[in-house]
C-alpha atoms as a PDB file:
ATOM      1  CA  UNK A   1     -62.838  11.196 -26.594  1.00  0.00           C
ATOM      2  CA  UNK A   2     -64.326  12.696 -23.412  1.00  0.00           C
ATOM      3  CA  UNK A   3     -63.635  10.790 -20.219  1.00  0.00           C
ATOM      4  CA  UNK A   4     -66.461   8.624 -18.974  1.00  0.00           C
ATOM      5  CA  UNK A   5     -67.046   7.944 -15.281  1.00  0.00           C
ATOM      6  CA  UNK A   6     -65.851   4.610 -13.993  1.00  0.00           C
ATOM      7  CA  UNK A   7     -67.838   2.278 -11.738  1.00  0.00           C
ATOM      8  CA  UNK A   8     -66.034   0.520  -8.912  1.00  0.00           C
ATOM      9  CA  UNK A   9     -67.622  -1.784  -6.338  1.00  0.00           C
ATOM     10  CA  UNK A  10     -65.621  -2.513  -3.185  1.00  0.00           C
ATOM     11  CA  UNK A  11     -66.292  -4.421   0.015  1.00  0.00           C
ATOM     12  CA  UNK A  12     -66.580  -2.789   3.422  1.00  0.00           C
ATOM     13  CA  UNK A  13     -67.408  -4.349   6.768  1.00  0.00           C
ATOM     14  CA  UNK A  14     -69.293  -1.365   8.206  1.00  0.00           C
ATOM     15  CA  UNK A  15     -71.600   0.834   6.095  1.00  0.00           C
ATOM     16  CA  UNK A  16     -71.859   3.473   8.852  1.00  0.00           C
ATOM     17  CA  UNK A  17     -68.057   3.816   8.911  1.00  0.00           C
ATOM     18  CA  UNK A  18     -67.963   3.858   5.090  1.00  0.00           C
ATOM     19  CA  UNK A  19     -70.560   6.643   5.007  1.00  0.00           C
ATOM     20  CA  UNK A  20     -68.632   8.677   7.589  1.00  0.00           C
ATOM     21  CA  UNK A  21     -65.400   8.228   5.621  1.00  0.00           C
ATOM     22  CA  UNK A  22     -66.569   8.706   2.024  1.00  0.00           C
ATOM     23  CA  UNK A  23     -69.384  11.221   2.591  1.00  0.00           C
ATOM     24  CA  UNK A  24     -68.113  12.898   5.757  1.00  0.00           C
ATOM     25  CA  UNK A  25     -64.330  13.016   5.319  1.00  0.00           C
ATOM     26  CA  UNK A  26     -63.902  12.862   1.536  1.00  0.00           C
ATOM     27  CA  UNK A  27     -67.058  14.891   0.823  1.00  0.00           C
ATOM     28  CA  UNK A  28     -68.651  12.432  -1.616  1.00  0.00           C
ATOM     29  CA  UNK A  29     -72.369  12.855  -2.170  1.00  0.00           C
ATOM     30  CA  UNK A  30     -74.481   9.722  -1.838  1.00  0.00           C
ATOM     31  CA  UNK A  31     -76.828   8.234  -4.379  1.00  0.00           C
ATOM     32  CA  UNK A  32     -78.911   5.114  -4.073  1.00  0.00           C
ATOM     33  CA  UNK A  33     -78.533   2.896  -1.039  1.00  0.00           C
ATOM     34  CA  UNK A  34     -79.912  -0.217   0.601  1.00  0.00           C
ATOM     35  CA  UNK A  35     -79.262  -2.107   3.817  1.00  0.00           C
ATOM     36  CA  UNK A  36     -76.159  -3.676   2.269  1.00  0.00           C
ATOM     37  CA  UNK A  37     -74.683  -1.079  -0.133  1.00  0.00           C
ATOM     38  CA  UNK A  38     -74.274   2.663  -0.750  1.00  0.00           C
ATOM     39  CA  UNK A  39     -73.481   4.516  -4.005  1.00  0.00           C
ATOM     40  CA  UNK A  40     -71.054   7.438  -3.660  1.00  0.00           C
ATOM     41  CA  UNK A  41     -70.142  10.136  -6.177  1.00  0.00           C
ATOM     42  CA  UNK A  42     -66.337  10.008  -6.000  1.00  0.00           C
ATOM     43  CA  UNK A  43     -65.357  13.083  -8.036  1.00  0.00           C
ATOM     44  CA  UNK A  44     -67.851  12.173 -10.768  1.00  0.00           C
ATOM     45  CA  UNK A  45     -67.248   8.410 -10.615  1.00  0.00           C
ATOM     46  CA  UNK A  46     -69.558   5.780  -9.143  1.00  0.00           C
ATOM     47  CA  UNK A  47     -68.104   4.049  -6.098  1.00  0.00           C
ATOM     48  CA  UNK A  48     -70.325   1.417  -4.508  1.00  0.00           C
ATOM     49  CA  UNK A  49     -69.523   0.135  -1.027  1.00  0.00           C
ATOM     50  CA  UNK A  50     -70.977  -3.332  -0.420  1.00  0.00           C
ATOM     51  CA  UNK A  51     -71.227  -4.591   3.151  1.00  0.00           C
ATOM     52  CA  UNK A  52     -69.606  -7.997   3.570  1.00  0.00           C
ATOM     53  CA  UNK A  53     -67.872  -9.819   6.366  1.00  0.00           C
ATOM     54  CA  UNK A  54     -64.384  -8.503   7.022  1.00  0.00           C
ATOM     55  CA  UNK A  55     -61.708 -10.183   4.955  1.00  0.00           C
ATOM     56  CA  UNK A  56     -58.309  -9.660   6.491  1.00  0.00           C
ATOM     57  CA  UNK A  57     -55.327  -9.640   4.186  1.00  0.00           C
ATOM     58  CA  UNK A  58     -52.303 -10.235   6.428  1.00  0.00           C
ATOM     59  CA  UNK A  59     -49.700  -8.522   4.248  1.00  0.00           C
ATOM     60  CA  UNK A  60     -50.695  -6.401   1.307  1.00  0.00           C
ATOM     61  CA  UNK A  61     -48.308  -6.684  -1.587  1.00  0.00           C
ATOM     62  CA  UNK A  62     -46.405  -3.536  -2.530  1.00  0.00           C
ATOM     63  CA  UNK A  63     -44.283  -2.316  -5.407  1.00  0.00           C
ATOM     64  CA  UNK A  64     -41.395   0.091  -5.072  1.00  0.00           C
ATOM     65  CA  UNK A  65     -42.153   3.345  -6.908  1.00  0.00           C
ATOM     66  CA  UNK A  66     -39.777   6.285  -6.621  1.00  0.00           C
ATOM     67  CA  UNK A  67     -38.372   4.867  -3.375  1.00  0.00           C
ATOM     68  CA  UNK A  68     -41.768   4.293  -1.687  1.00  0.00           C
ATOM     69  CA  UNK A  69     -43.635   1.027  -1.083  1.00  0.00           C
ATOM     70  CA  UNK A  70     -46.926   1.456  -2.958  1.00  0.00           C
ATOM     71  CA  UNK A  71     -49.718  -0.877  -1.770  1.00  0.00           C
ATOM     72  CA  UNK A  72     -51.359  -3.048  -4.424  1.00  0.00           C
ATOM     73  CA  UNK A  73     -54.256  -3.111  -5.106  1.00  0.00           C
ATOM     74  CA  UNK A  74     -55.376   0.479  -4.678  1.00  0.00           C
ATOM     75  CA  UNK A  75     -57.684   2.957  -6.416  1.00  0.00           C
ATOM     76  CA  UNK A  76     -58.304   6.679  -6.436  1.00  0.00           C
ATOM     77  CA  UNK A  77     -58.805   9.727  -8.595  1.00  0.00           C
ATOM     78  CA  UNK A  78     -56.507  12.077 -10.482  1.00  0.00           C
ATOM     79  CA  UNK A  79     -57.449  15.542  -9.221  1.00  0.00           C
ATOM     80  CA  UNK A  80     -56.463  19.044 -10.196  1.00  0.00           C
ATOM     81  CA  UNK A  81     -53.416  20.295  -8.290  1.00  0.00           C
ATOM     82  CA  UNK A  82     -55.576  22.689  -6.244  1.00  0.00           C
ATOM     83  CA  UNK A  83     -58.169  20.009  -5.391  1.00  0.00           C
ATOM     84  CA  UNK A  84     -55.360  17.620  -4.372  1.00  0.00           C
ATOM     85  CA  UNK A  85     -53.837  20.258  -2.060  1.00  0.00           C
ATOM     86  CA  UNK A  86     -57.237  20.958  -0.477  1.00  0.00           C
ATOM     87  CA  UNK A  87     -57.902  17.249   0.081  1.00  0.00           C
ATOM     88  CA  UNK A  88     -54.410  16.727   1.538  1.00  0.00           C
ATOM     89  CA  UNK A  89     -54.967  19.632   3.944  1.00  0.00           C
ATOM     90  CA  UNK A  90     -58.390  18.255   4.968  1.00  0.00           C
ATOM     91  CA  UNK A  91     -57.000  14.756   5.567  1.00  0.00           C
ATOM     92  CA  UNK A  92     -54.018  16.072   7.537  1.00  0.00           C
ATOM     93  CA  UNK A  93     -56.325  18.221   9.689  1.00  0.00           C
ATOM     94  CA  UNK A  94     -58.428  15.090  10.355  1.00  0.00           C
ATOM     95  CA  UNK A  95     -55.215  13.298  11.377  1.00  0.00           C
ATOM     96  CA  UNK A  96     -55.764  10.489   8.891  1.00  0.00           C
ATOM     97  CA  UNK A  97     -53.075   7.782   9.008  1.00  0.00           C
ATOM     98  CA  UNK A  98     -51.254   7.905   5.696  1.00  0.00           C
ATOM     99  CA  UNK A  99     -49.651   4.858   4.129  1.00  0.00           C
ATOM    100  CA  UNK A 100     -47.585   7.325   2.069  1.00  0.00           C
ATOM    101  CA  UNK A 101     -47.709  10.940   3.263  1.00  0.00           C
ATOM    102  CA  UNK A 102     -48.669  13.635   0.737  1.00  0.00           C
ATOM    103  CA  UNK A 103     -45.577  14.227  -1.382  1.00  0.00           C
ATOM    104  CA  UNK A 104     -44.300  15.150  -4.842  1.00  0.00           C
ATOM    105  CA  UNK A 105     -43.065  12.247  -6.931  1.00  0.00           C
ATOM    106  CA  UNK A 106     -40.767  12.420  -9.955  1.00  0.00           C
ATOM    107  CA  UNK A 107     -40.003  16.059  -9.147  1.00  0.00           C
ATOM    108  CA  UNK A 108     -38.662  17.929 -12.167  1.00  0.00           C
ATOM    109  CA  UNK A 109     -39.193  14.888 -14.410  1.00  0.00           C
ATOM    110  CA  UNK A 110     -41.796  13.864 -16.953  1.00  0.00           C
ATOM    111  CA  UNK A 111     -44.890  12.813 -15.012  1.00  0.00           C
ATOM    112  CA  UNK A 112     -44.199  14.969 -11.932  1.00  0.00           C
ATOM    113  CA  UNK A 113     -47.111  14.366  -9.596  1.00  0.00           C
ATOM    114  CA  UNK A 114     -48.459  14.964  -6.141  1.00  0.00           C
ATOM    115  CA  UNK A 115     -49.609  11.782  -4.453  1.00  0.00           C
ATOM    116  CA  UNK A 116     -50.841  10.362  -1.160  1.00  0.00           C
ATOM    117  CA  UNK A 117     -51.961   6.922  -0.025  1.00  0.00           C
ATOM    118  CA  UNK A 118     -54.299   6.044   2.820  1.00  0.00           C
ATOM    119  CA  UNK A 119     -56.847   3.362   3.706  1.00  0.00           C
ATOM    120  CA  UNK A 120     -60.579   3.550   4.302  1.00  0.00           C
ATOM    121  CA  UNK A 121     -61.970   2.056   7.544  1.00  0.00           C
ATOM    122  CA  UNK A 122     -62.325  -1.370   5.847  1.00  0.00           C
ATOM    123  CA  UNK A 123     -58.679  -1.390   4.724  1.00  0.00           C
ATOM    124  CA  UNK A 124     -59.246  -0.551   1.038  1.00  0.00           C
ATOM    125  CA  UNK A 125     -56.187   1.342  -0.193  1.00  0.00           C
ATOM    126  CA  UNK A 126     -56.694   4.685  -1.926  1.00  0.00           C
ATOM    127  CA  UNK A 127     -54.326   6.922  -3.868  1.00  0.00           C
ATOM    128  CA  UNK A 128     -55.205  10.461  -4.843  1.00  0.00           C
ATOM    129  CA  UNK A 129     -52.835  12.231  -7.196  1.00  0.00           C
ATOM    130  CA  UNK A 130     -52.476  15.322  -9.337  1.00  0.00           C
ATOM    131  CA  UNK A 131     -50.117  16.095 -12.194  1.00  0.00           C
ATOM    132  CA  UNK A 132     -48.231  19.362 -12.453  1.00  0.00           C
ATOM    133  CA  UNK A 133     -48.937  19.042 -16.211  1.00  0.00           C
ATOM    134  CA  UNK A 134     -52.192  17.054 -16.649  1.00  0.00           C
ATOM    135  CA  UNK A 135     -51.154  16.286 -20.234  1.00  0.00           C
ATOM    136  CA  UNK A 136     -48.448  13.985 -18.823  1.00  0.00           C
ATOM    137  CA  UNK A 137     -50.894  11.508 -17.282  1.00  0.00           C
ATOM    138  CA  UNK A 138     -49.746   8.791 -19.709  1.00  0.00           C
ATOM    139  CA  UNK A 139     -46.353  10.240 -20.666  1.00  0.00           C
ATOM    140  CA  UNK A 140     -43.344   7.931 -20.761  1.00  0.00           C
END
């Protein structure tokens, strides 16, 4: 079955900052918009940023994965290896603050993957990853 795009709606406290981050830094094209939300094309998926008052979460929960503390909840996209490397380079050049620096997880094992975690200006956690062998996305 061919993959279908997902739709994800998240809250942000500043649409101008969200536009600069998602369109400017990540390179997402924009679709429809209003005074309180913007649609972004996040690698073929529909991400909608809705302006709301800031909700501060004092301590985000995390799970230990391969020796790193992975923030939960988070979202992102599985990219090709080349696209992941290009995005990592672009984010590093922009001096983005990483929650987990770009790295290779499960090296030499089933499910070997490149991954990085960072937050948008509203504090939403994102993970972008790529698999050395894309066929191992759901491998155990």
